[in-house]
Amino acid sequence: SVGVVRLLTVDPLPTATLVKELGSCRLIFVVEEAHESSGIKEVLAWEINRFVPDCRIDGIDLGGNFACHGDIPSLHKHYGLDATSIASRIKEVVQNEN
């Protein structure tokens, strides 16, 4: 079972709402078009773990190198941000959890 939450605001981060939406789920997977360590994943992990210490935060971002140029579909595929790559990565993470 998978749920999707789209953050429409990050300041303030809606931590209480996210914790409520999390329910019994203990894995959050963040997909963002941001440079490694400059997106919301780290802040989200810090905030969620204050209330749900056993929750794991994982995700996909643009990595730590300079971003390539190209058309959006090609870039999404290159960085693993296309639907097929995201689904594959989430399956891999869930299998490693079990």
PDB file of N, CA and C in Angstrom:
ATOM      1  N   SER A   1       0.844  -1.182   0.000  1.00  0.00           N
ATOM      2  CA  SER A   1       0.000   0.000   0.000  1.00  0.00           C
ATOM      3  C   SER A   1       0.886   1.241   0.000  1.00  0.00           C
ATOM      4  N   VAL A   2       0.579   2.187  -0.867  1.00  0.00           N
ATOM      5  CA  VAL A   2       1.355   3.405  -1.004  1.00  0.00           C
ATOM      6  C   VAL A   2       0.410   4.596  -0.970  1.00  0.00           C
ATOM      7  N   GLY A   3       0.827   5.636  -0.294  1.00  0.00           N
ATOM      8  CA  GLY A   3       0.087   6.893  -0.291  1.00  0.00           C
ATOM      9  C   GLY A   3       0.986   7.986  -0.827  1.00  0.00           C
ATOM     10  N   VAL A   4       0.378   9.033  -1.348  1.00  0.00           N
ATOM     11  CA  VAL A   4       1.144  10.147  -1.889  1.00  0.00           C
ATOM     12  C   VAL A   4       0.689  11.420  -1.184  1.00  0.00           C
ATOM     13  N   VAL A   5       1.660  12.178  -0.714  1.00  0.00           N
ATOM     14  CA  VAL A   5       1.388  13.480  -0.115  1.00  0.00           C
ATOM     15  C   VAL A   5       2.205  14.505  -0.880  1.00  0.00           C
ATOM     16  N   ARG A   6       1.546  15.511  -1.369  1.00  0.00           N
ATOM     17  CA  ARG A   6       2.250  16.584  -2.091  1.00  0.00           C
ATOM     18  C   ARG A   6       2.335  17.789  -1.163  1.00  0.00           C
ATOM     19  N   LEU A   7       3.551  18.191  -0.850  1.00  0.00           N
ATOM     20  CA  LEU A   7       3.741  19.354   0.007  1.00  0.00           C
ATOM     21  C   LEU A   7       3.495  20.619  -0.799  1.00  0.00           C
ATOM     22  N   LEU A   8       2.553  21.420  -0.369  1.00  0.00           N
ATOM     23  CA  LEU A   8       2.274  22.676  -1.049  1.00  0.00           C
ATOM     24  C   LEU A   8       2.923  23.851  -0.327  1.00  0.00           C
ATOM     25  N   THR A   9       3.396  23.586   0.883  1.00  0.00           N
ATOM     26  CA  THR A   9       4.117  24.599   1.639  1.00  0.00           C
ATOM     27  C   THR A   9       5.213  23.915   2.446  1.00  0.00           C
ATOM     28  N   VAL A  10       6.318  24.603   2.614  1.00  0.00           N
ATOM     29  CA  VAL A  10       7.398  24.050   3.431  1.00  0.00           C
ATOM     30  C   VAL A  10       7.797  25.005   4.553  1.00  0.00           C
ATOM     31  N   ASP A  11       7.143  26.163   4.600  1.00  0.00           N
ATOM     32  CA  ASP A  11       7.439  27.128   5.652  1.00  0.00           C
ATOM     33  C   ASP A  11       6.157  27.793   6.101  1.00  0.00           C
ATOM     34  N   PRO A  12       5.578  27.331   7.193  1.00  0.00           N
ATOM     35  CA  PRO A  12       6.115  26.290   8.070  1.00  0.00           C
ATOM     36  C   PRO A  12       5.829  24.904   7.515  1.00  0.00           C
ATOM     37  N   LEU A  13       6.708  23.976   7.836  1.00  0.00           N
ATOM     38  CA  LEU A  13       6.526  22.589   7.423  1.00  0.00           C
ATOM     39  C   LEU A  13       5.322  22.019   8.174  1.00  0.00           C
ATOM     40  N   PRO A  14       4.353  21.431   7.464  1.00  0.00           N
ATOM     41  CA  PRO A  14       3.144  20.926   8.121  1.00  0.00           C
ATOM     42  C   PRO A  14       3.379  19.579   8.822  1.00  0.00           C
ATOM     43  N   THR A  15       4.252  19.593   9.824  1.00  0.00           N
ATOM     44  CA  THR A  15       4.674  18.359  10.494  1.00  0.00           C
ATOM     45  C   THR A  15       3.502  17.600  11.108  1.00  0.00           C
ATOM     46  N   ALA A  16       2.629  18.284  11.824  1.00  0.00           N
ATOM     47  CA  ALA A  16       1.498  17.620  12.486  1.00  0.00           C
ATOM     48  C   ALA A  16       0.611  16.908  11.466  1.00  0.00           C
ATOM     49  N   THR A  17       0.352  17.563  10.348  1.00  0.00           N
ATOM     50  CA  THR A  17      -0.462  16.956   9.287  1.00  0.00           C
ATOM     51  C   THR A  17       0.247  15.742   8.700  1.00  0.00           C
ATOM     52  N   LEU A  18       1.542  15.865   8.471  1.00  0.00           N
ATOM     53  CA  LEU A  18       2.300  14.745   7.916  1.00  0.00           C
ATOM     54  C   LEU A  18       2.319  13.559   8.867  1.00  0.00           C
ATOM     55  N   VAL A  19       2.520  13.801  10.141  1.00  0.00           N
ATOM     56  CA  VAL A  19       2.525  12.715  11.128  1.00  0.00           C
ATOM     57  C   VAL A  19       1.162  12.041  11.151  1.00  0.00           C
ATOM     58  N   LYS A  20       0.097  12.831  11.076  1.00  0.00           N
ATOM     59  CA  LYS A  20      -1.268  12.276  11.047  1.00  0.00           C
ATOM     60  C   LYS A  20      -1.474  11.424   9.795  1.00  0.00           C
ATOM     61  N   GLU A  21      -1.048  11.926   8.650  1.00  0.00           N
ATOM     62  CA  GLU A  21      -1.171  11.188   7.384  1.00  0.00           C
ATOM     63  C   GLU A  21      -0.328   9.920   7.379  1.00  0.00           C
ATOM     64  N   LEU A  22       0.775   9.950   8.095  1.00  0.00           N
ATOM     65  CA  LEU A  22       1.692   8.810   8.143  1.00  0.00           C
ATOM     66  C   LEU A  22       1.029   7.568   8.724  1.00  0.00           C
ATOM     67  N   GLY A  23       0.178   7.745   9.729  1.00  0.00           N
ATOM     68  CA  GLY A  23      -0.497   6.612  10.349  1.00  0.00           C
ATOM     69  C   GLY A  23       0.504   5.586  10.836  1.00  0.00           C
ATOM     70  N   SER A  24       0.321   4.329  10.430  1.00  0.00           N
ATOM     71  CA  SER A  24       1.217   3.249  10.864  1.00  0.00           C
ATOM     72  C   SER A  24       2.396   3.058   9.908  1.00  0.00           C
ATOM     73  N   CYS A  25       2.439   3.821   8.836  1.00  0.00           N
ATOM     74  CA  CYS A  25       3.534   3.730   7.877  1.00  0.00           C
ATOM     75  C   CYS A  25       4.830   4.201   8.522  1.00  0.00           C
ATOM     76  N   ARG A  26       5.922   3.495   8.261  1.00  0.00           N
ATOM     77  CA  ARG A  26       7.201   3.866   8.841  1.00  0.00           C
ATOM     78  C   ARG A  26       8.280   4.083   7.780  1.00  0.00           C
ATOM     79  N   LEU A  27       7.838   4.354   6.553  1.00  0.00           N
ATOM     80  CA  LEU A  27       8.768   4.664   5.471  1.00  0.00           C
ATOM     81  C   LEU A  27       8.190   5.807   4.646  1.00  0.00           C
ATOM     82  N   ILE A  28       8.958   6.870   4.530  1.00  0.00           N
ATOM     83  CA  ILE A  28       8.589   7.992   3.672  1.00  0.00           C
ATOM     84  C   ILE A  28       9.638   8.064   2.572  1.00  0.00           C
ATOM     85  N   PHE A  29       9.166   8.190   1.364  1.00  0.00           N
ATOM     86  CA  PHE A  29      10.053   8.275   0.213  1.00  0.00           C
ATOM     87  C   PHE A  29       9.841   9.636  -0.435  1.00  0.00           C
ATOM     88  N   VAL A  30      10.871  10.456  -0.459  1.00  0.00           N
ATOM     89  CA  VAL A  30      10.786  11.820  -0.974  1.00  0.00           C
ATOM     90  C   VAL A  30      11.377  11.867  -2.377  1.00  0.00           C
ATOM     91  N   VAL A  31      10.607  12.405  -3.315  1.00  0.00           N
ATOM     92  CA  VAL A  31      11.075  12.584  -4.687  1.00  0.00           C
ATOM     93  C   VAL A  31      11.104  14.086  -4.935  1.00  0.00           C
ATOM     94  N   GLU A  32      12.274  14.605  -5.256  1.00  0.00           N
ATOM     95  CA  GLU A  32      12.371  16.044  -5.459  1.00  0.00           C
ATOM     96  C   GLU A  32      13.394  16.406  -6.528  1.00  0.00           C
ATOM     97  N   GLU A  33      13.069  17.443  -7.269  1.00  0.00           N
ATOM     98  CA  GLU A  33      13.979  17.978  -8.278  1.00  0.00           C
ATOM     99  C   GLU A  33      14.860  19.024  -7.618  1.00  0.00           C
ATOM    100  N   ALA A  34      15.733  18.556  -6.750  1.00  0.00           N
ATOM    101  CA  ALA A  34      16.621  19.453  -6.006  1.00  0.00           C
ATOM    102  C   ALA A  34      17.992  18.800  -5.902  1.00  0.00           C
ATOM    103  N   HIS A  35      18.996  19.625  -5.752  1.00  0.00           N
ATOM    104  CA  HIS A  35      20.360  19.149  -5.561  1.00  0.00           C
ATOM    105  C   HIS A  35      20.447  18.400  -4.239  1.00  0.00           C
ATOM    106  N   GLU A  36      21.267  17.381  -4.197  1.00  0.00           N
ATOM    107  CA  GLU A  36      21.489  16.598  -2.986  1.00  0.00           C
ATOM    108  C   GLU A  36      21.725  17.521  -1.780  1.00  0.00           C
ATOM    109  N   SER A  37      21.069  17.240  -0.690  1.00  0.00           N
ATOM    110  CA  SER A  37      21.203  17.980   0.570  1.00  0.00           C
ATOM    111  C   SER A  37      20.699  19.417   0.524  1.00  0.00           C
ATOM    112  N   SER A  38      19.987  19.799  -0.539  1.00  0.00           N
ATOM    113  CA  SER A  38      19.450  21.157  -0.567  1.00  0.00           C
ATOM    114  C   SER A  38      17.929  21.160  -0.658  1.00  0.00           C
ATOM    115  N   GLY A  39      17.339  19.974  -0.656  1.00  0.00           N
ATOM    116  CA  GLY A  39      15.892  19.878  -0.751  1.00  0.00           C
ATOM    117  C   GLY A  39      15.245  19.769   0.624  1.00  0.00           C
ATOM    118  N   ILE A  40      14.054  19.234   0.650  1.00  0.00           N
ATOM    119  CA  ILE A  40      13.266  19.148   1.873  1.00  0.00           C
ATOM    120  C   ILE A  40      13.496  17.839   2.627  1.00  0.00           C
ATOM    121  N   LYS A  41      14.141  16.861   1.999  1.00  0.00           N
ATOM    122  CA  LYS A  41      14.260  15.532   2.603  1.00  0.00           C
ATOM    123  C   LYS A  41      14.906  15.555   3.988  1.00  0.00           C
ATOM    124  N   GLU A  42      16.000  16.259   4.148  1.00  0.00           N
ATOM    125  CA  GLU A  42      16.701  16.264   5.435  1.00  0.00           C
ATOM    126  C   GLU A  42      15.883  16.946   6.532  1.00  0.00           C
ATOM    127  N   VAL A  43      15.276  18.076   6.196  1.00  0.00           N
ATOM    128  CA  VAL A  43      14.445  18.790   7.170  1.00  0.00           C
ATOM    129  C   VAL A  43      13.236  17.945   7.533  1.00  0.00           C
ATOM    130  N   LEU A  44      12.639  17.324   6.532  1.00  0.00           N
ATOM    131  CA  LEU A  44      11.487  16.460   6.762  1.00  0.00           C
ATOM    132  C   LEU A  44      11.855  15.301   7.679  1.00  0.00           C
ATOM    133  N   ALA A  45      12.997  14.687   7.432  1.00  0.00           N
ATOM    134  CA  ALA A  45      13.447  13.573   8.276  1.00  0.00           C
ATOM    135  C   ALA A  45      13.631  14.032   9.720  1.00  0.00           C
ATOM    136  N   TRP A  46      14.270  15.161   9.898  1.00  0.00           N
ATOM    137  CA  TRP A  46      14.508  15.694  11.240  1.00  0.00           C
ATOM    138  C   TRP A  46      13.180  15.929  11.973  1.00  0.00           C
ATOM    139  N   GLU A  47      12.242  16.583  11.303  1.00  0.00           N
ATOM    140  CA  GLU A  47      10.954  16.904  11.919  1.00  0.00           C
ATOM    141  C   GLU A  47      10.123  15.657  12.208  1.00  0.00           C
ATOM    142  N   ILE A  48      10.003  14.763  11.231  1.00  0.00           N
ATOM    143  CA  ILE A  48       9.191  13.552  11.420  1.00  0.00           C
ATOM    144  C   ILE A  48       9.782  12.688  12.516  1.00  0.00           C
ATOM    145  N   ASN A  49      11.097  12.533  12.545  1.00  0.00           N
ATOM    146  CA  ASN A  49      11.731  11.675  13.554  1.00  0.00           C
ATOM    147  C   ASN A  49      11.598  12.210  14.968  1.00  0.00           C
ATOM    148  N   ARG A  50      11.294  13.485  15.128  1.00  0.00           N
ATOM    149  CA  ARG A  50      11.004  14.018  16.463  1.00  0.00           C
ATOM    150  C   ARG A  50       9.739  13.385  17.035  1.00  0.00           C
ATOM    151  N   PHE A  51       8.765  13.086  16.177  1.00  0.00           N
ATOM    152  CA  PHE A  51       7.476  12.547  16.602  1.00  0.00           C
ATOM    153  C   PHE A  51       7.342  11.048  16.350  1.00  0.00           C
ATOM    154  N   VAL A  52       8.043  10.547  15.342  1.00  0.00           N
ATOM    155  CA  VAL A  52       7.980   9.128  14.976  1.00  0.00           C
ATOM    156  C   VAL A  52       9.417   8.641  14.780  1.00  0.00           C
ATOM    157  N   PRO A  53      10.111   8.326  15.894  1.00  0.00           N
ATOM    158  CA  PRO A  53      11.543   8.005  15.815  1.00  0.00           C
ATOM    159  C   PRO A  53      11.883   6.795  14.954  1.00  0.00           C
ATOM    160  N   ASP A  54      10.943   5.869  14.773  1.00  0.00           N
ATOM    161  CA  ASP A  54      11.247   4.669  13.993  1.00  0.00           C
ATOM    162  C   ASP A  54      10.872   4.807  12.518  1.00  0.00           C
ATOM    163  N   CYS A  55      10.566   6.022  12.077  1.00  0.00           N
ATOM    164  CA  CYS A  55      10.230   6.264  10.676  1.00  0.00           C
ATOM    165  C   CYS A  55      11.509   6.467   9.867  1.00  0.00           C
ATOM    166  N   ARG A  56      11.572   5.833   8.718  1.00  0.00           N
ATOM    167  CA  ARG A  56      12.735   5.973   7.832  1.00  0.00           C
ATOM    168  C   ARG A  56      12.376   6.882   6.667  1.00  0.00           C
ATOM    169  N   ILE A  57      13.276   7.798   6.350  1.00  0.00           N
ATOM    170  CA  ILE A  57      13.084   8.708   5.224  1.00  0.00           C
ATOM    171  C   ILE A  57      14.131   8.355   4.165  1.00  0.00           C
ATOM    172  N   ASP A  58      13.676   8.094   2.951  1.00  0.00           N
ATOM    173  CA  ASP A  58      14.566   7.800   1.837  1.00  0.00           C
ATOM    174  C   ASP A  58      14.089   8.615   0.653  1.00  0.00           C
ATOM    175  N   GLY A  59      14.816   8.596  -0.436  1.00  0.00           N
ATOM    176  CA  GLY A  59      14.340   9.337  -1.584  1.00  0.00           C
ATOM    177  C   GLY A  59      15.287   9.414  -2.751  1.00  0.00           C
ATOM    178  N   ILE A  60      14.859  10.201  -3.725  1.00  0.00           N
ATOM    179  CA  ILE A  60      15.611  10.437  -4.954  1.00  0.00           C
ATOM    180  C   ILE A  60      15.691  11.948  -5.161  1.00  0.00           C
ATOM    181  N   ASP A  61      16.864  12.411  -5.553  1.00  0.00           N
ATOM    182  CA  ASP A  61      17.033  13.816  -5.907  1.00  0.00           C
ATOM    183  C   ASP A  61      17.993  13.900  -7.094  1.00  0.00           C
ATOM    184  N   LEU A  62      18.502  15.074  -7.383  1.00  0.00           N
ATOM    185  CA  LEU A  62      19.376  15.262  -8.543  1.00  0.00           C
ATOM    186  C   LEU A  62      20.822  14.860  -8.292  1.00  0.00           C
ATOM    187  N   GLY A  63      21.143  14.441  -7.082  1.00  0.00           N
ATOM    188  CA  GLY A  63      22.509  14.048  -6.780  1.00  0.00           C
ATOM    189  C   GLY A  63      23.376  15.256  -6.454  1.00  0.00           C
ATOM    190  N   GLY A  64      24.660  15.017  -6.328  1.00  0.00           N
ATOM    191  CA  GLY A  64      25.571  16.055  -5.879  1.00  0.00           C
ATOM    192  C   GLY A  64      26.378  16.735  -6.960  1.00  0.00           C
ATOM    193  N   ASN A  65      26.244  16.320  -8.198  1.00  0.00           N
ATOM    194  CA  ASN A  65      27.019  16.918  -9.287  1.00  0.00           C
ATOM    195  C   ASN A  65      26.242  18.048  -9.956  1.00  0.00           C
ATOM    196  N   PHE A  66      26.888  18.730 -10.890  1.00  0.00           N
ATOM    197  CA  PHE A  66      26.192  19.742 -11.663  1.00  0.00           C
ATOM    198  C   PHE A  66      25.079  19.082 -12.463  1.00  0.00           C
ATOM    199  N   ALA A  67      23.952  19.751 -12.556  1.00  0.00           N
ATOM    200  CA  ALA A  67      22.808  19.213 -13.289  1.00  0.00           C
ATOM    201  C   ALA A  67      23.058  19.283 -14.796  1.00  0.00           C
ATOM    202  N   CYS A  68      22.633  18.238 -15.478  1.00  0.00           N
ATOM    203  CA  CYS A  68      22.726  18.192 -16.941  1.00  0.00           C
ATOM    204  C   CYS A  68      21.655  19.097 -17.551  1.00  0.00           C
ATOM    205  N   HIS A  69      21.756  19.318 -18.829  1.00  0.00           N
ATOM    206  CA  HIS A  69      20.744  20.071 -19.558  1.00  0.00           C
ATOM    207  C   HIS A  69      20.093  19.144 -20.562  1.00  0.00           C
ATOM    208  N   GLY A  70      18.837  19.399 -20.849  1.00  0.00           N
ATOM    209  CA  GLY A  70      18.115  18.605 -21.822  1.00  0.00           C
ATOM    210  C   GLY A  70      16.626  18.772 -21.641  1.00  0.00           C
ATOM    211  N   ASP A  71      15.868  18.005 -22.406  1.00  0.00           N
ATOM    212  CA  ASP A  71      14.419  18.084 -22.276  1.00  0.00           C
ATOM    213  C   ASP A  71      13.993  17.371 -20.979  1.00  0.00           C
ATOM    214  N   ILE A  72      12.871  17.791 -20.449  1.00  0.00           N
ATOM    215  CA  ILE A  72      12.419  17.316 -19.135  1.00  0.00           C
ATOM    216  C   ILE A  72      12.278  15.796 -19.068  1.00  0.00           C
ATOM    217  N   PRO A  73      11.608  15.132 -20.010  1.00  0.00           N
ATOM    218  CA  PRO A  73      11.501  13.668 -19.902  1.00  0.00           C
ATOM    219  C   PRO A  73      12.858  12.965 -19.859  1.00  0.00           C
ATOM    220  N   SER A  74      13.803  13.438 -20.678  1.00  0.00           N
ATOM    221  CA  SER A  74      15.140  12.831 -20.676  1.00  0.00           C
ATOM    222  C   SER A  74      15.856  13.057 -19.347  1.00  0.00           C
ATOM    223  N   LEU A  75      15.720  14.257 -18.791  1.00  0.00           N
ATOM    224  CA  LEU A  75      16.348  14.555 -17.504  1.00  0.00           C
ATOM    225  C   LEU A  75      15.725  13.740 -16.377  1.00  0.00           C
ATOM    226  N   HIS A  76      14.402  13.623 -16.389  1.00  0.00           N
ATOM    227  CA  HIS A  76      13.742  12.804 -15.368  1.00  0.00           C
ATOM    228  C   HIS A  76      14.246  11.369 -15.419  1.00  0.00           C
ATOM    229  N   LYS A  77      14.364  10.813 -16.616  1.00  0.00           N
ATOM    230  CA  LYS A  77      14.871   9.451 -16.745  1.00  0.00           C
ATOM    231  C   LYS A  77      16.330   9.368 -16.284  1.00  0.00           C
ATOM    232  N   HIS A  78      17.145  10.326 -16.688  1.00  0.00           N
ATOM    233  CA  HIS A  78      18.565  10.344 -16.318  1.00  0.00           C
ATOM    234  C   HIS A  78      18.752  10.344 -14.801  1.00  0.00           C
ATOM    235  N   TYR A  79      17.940  11.113 -14.106  1.00  0.00           N
ATOM    236  CA  TYR A  79      18.086  11.231 -12.654  1.00  0.00           C
ATOM    237  C   TYR A  79      17.215  10.247 -11.866  1.00  0.00           C
ATOM    238  N   GLY A  80      16.489   9.391 -12.555  1.00  0.00           N
ATOM    239  CA  GLY A  80      15.634   8.427 -11.870  1.00  0.00           C
ATOM    240  C   GLY A  80      14.370   9.035 -11.325  1.00  0.00           C
ATOM    241  N   LEU A  81      13.922  10.131 -11.931  1.00  0.00           N
ATOM    242  CA  LEU A  81      12.725  10.820 -11.470  1.00  0.00           C
ATOM    243  C   LEU A  81      11.506  10.538 -12.345  1.00  0.00           C
ATOM    244  N   ASP A  82      11.624   9.623 -13.302  1.00  0.00           N
ATOM    245  CA  ASP A  82      10.476   9.222 -14.103  1.00  0.00           C
ATOM    246  C   ASP A  82       9.695   8.149 -13.335  1.00  0.00           C
ATOM    247  N   ALA A  83       8.460   7.931 -13.701  1.00  0.00           N
ATOM    248  CA  ALA A  83       7.578   7.025 -12.961  1.00  0.00           C
ATOM    249  C   ALA A  83       8.158   5.619 -12.817  1.00  0.00           C
ATOM    250  N   THR A  84       8.705   5.073 -13.879  1.00  0.00           N
ATOM    251  CA  THR A  84       9.260   3.712 -13.832  1.00  0.00           C
ATOM    252  C   THR A  84      10.429   3.626 -12.861  1.00  0.00           C
ATOM    253  N   SER A  85      11.321   4.596 -12.916  1.00  0.00           N
ATOM    254  CA  SER A  85      12.489   4.601 -12.022  1.00  0.00           C
ATOM    255  C   SER A  85      12.081   4.788 -10.568  1.00  0.00           C
ATOM    256  N   ILE A  86      11.114   5.671 -10.322  1.00  0.00           N
ATOM    257  CA  ILE A  86      10.647   5.902  -8.956  1.00  0.00           C
ATOM    258  C   ILE A  86      10.039   4.624  -8.395  1.00  0.00           C
ATOM    259  N   ALA A  87       9.168   3.984  -9.170  1.00  0.00           N
ATOM    260  CA  ALA A  87       8.537   2.746  -8.704  1.00  0.00           C
ATOM    261  C   ALA A  87       9.584   1.674  -8.428  1.00  0.00           C
ATOM    262  N   SER A  88      10.553   1.544  -9.295  1.00  0.00           N
ATOM    263  CA  SER A  88      11.615   0.550  -9.120  1.00  0.00           C
ATOM    264  C   SER A  88      12.418   0.823  -7.850  1.00  0.00           C
ATOM    265  N   ARG A  89      12.766   2.086  -7.634  1.00  0.00           N
ATOM    266  CA  ARG A  89      13.557   2.451  -6.440  1.00  0.00           C
ATOM    267  C   ARG A  89      12.766   2.211  -5.154  1.00  0.00           C
ATOM    268  N   ILE A  90      11.478   2.545  -5.161  1.00  0.00           N
ATOM    269  CA  ILE A  90      10.646   2.314  -3.969  1.00  0.00           C
ATOM    270  C   ILE A  90      10.548   0.814  -3.695  1.00  0.00           C
ATOM    271  N   LYS A  91      10.345   0.005  -4.722  1.00  0.00           N
ATOM    272  CA  LYS A  91      10.299  -1.450  -4.537  1.00  0.00           C
ATOM    273  C   LYS A  91      11.589  -1.956  -3.935  1.00  0.00           C
ATOM    274  N   GLU A  92      12.709  -1.454  -4.427  1.00  0.00           N
ATOM    275  CA  GLU A  92      14.034  -1.862  -3.913  1.00  0.00           C
ATOM    276  C   GLU A  92      14.167  -1.504  -2.425  1.00  0.00           C
ATOM    277  N   VAL A  93      13.761  -0.310  -2.057  1.00  0.00           N
ATOM    278  CA  VAL A  93      13.863   0.130  -0.672  1.00  0.00           C
ATOM    279  C   VAL A  93      12.959  -0.706   0.234  1.00  0.00           C
ATOM    280  N   VAL A  94      11.731  -0.966  -0.220  1.00  0.00           N
ATOM    281  CA  VAL A  94      10.782  -1.752   0.582  1.00  0.00           C
ATOM    282  C   VAL A  94      11.287  -3.171   0.749  1.00  0.00           C
ATOM    283  N   GLN A  95      11.836  -3.777  -0.306  1.00  0.00           N
ATOM    284  CA  GLN A  95      12.368  -5.132  -0.211  1.00  0.00           C
ATOM    285  C   GLN A  95      13.535  -5.191   0.779  1.00  0.00           C
ATOM    286  N   ASN A  96      14.371  -4.148   0.797  1.00  0.00           N
ATOM    287  CA  ASN A  96      15.494  -4.107   1.732  1.00  0.00           C
ATOM    288  C   ASN A  96      15.032  -3.897   3.163  1.00  0.00           C
ATOM    289  N   GLU A  97      13.863  -3.292   3.348  1.00  0.00           N
ATOM    290  CA  GLU A  97      13.306  -3.099   4.690  1.00  0.00           C
ATOM    291  C   GLU A  97      12.847  -4.426   5.274  1.00  0.00           C
ATOM    292  N   ASN A  98      12.380  -5.311   4.412  1.00  0.00           N
ATOM    293  CA  ASN A  98      11.820  -6.595   4.886  1.00  0.00           C
ATOM    294  C   ASN A  98      12.871  -7.607   4.980  1.00  0.00           C
TER     295      ASN A  98
END
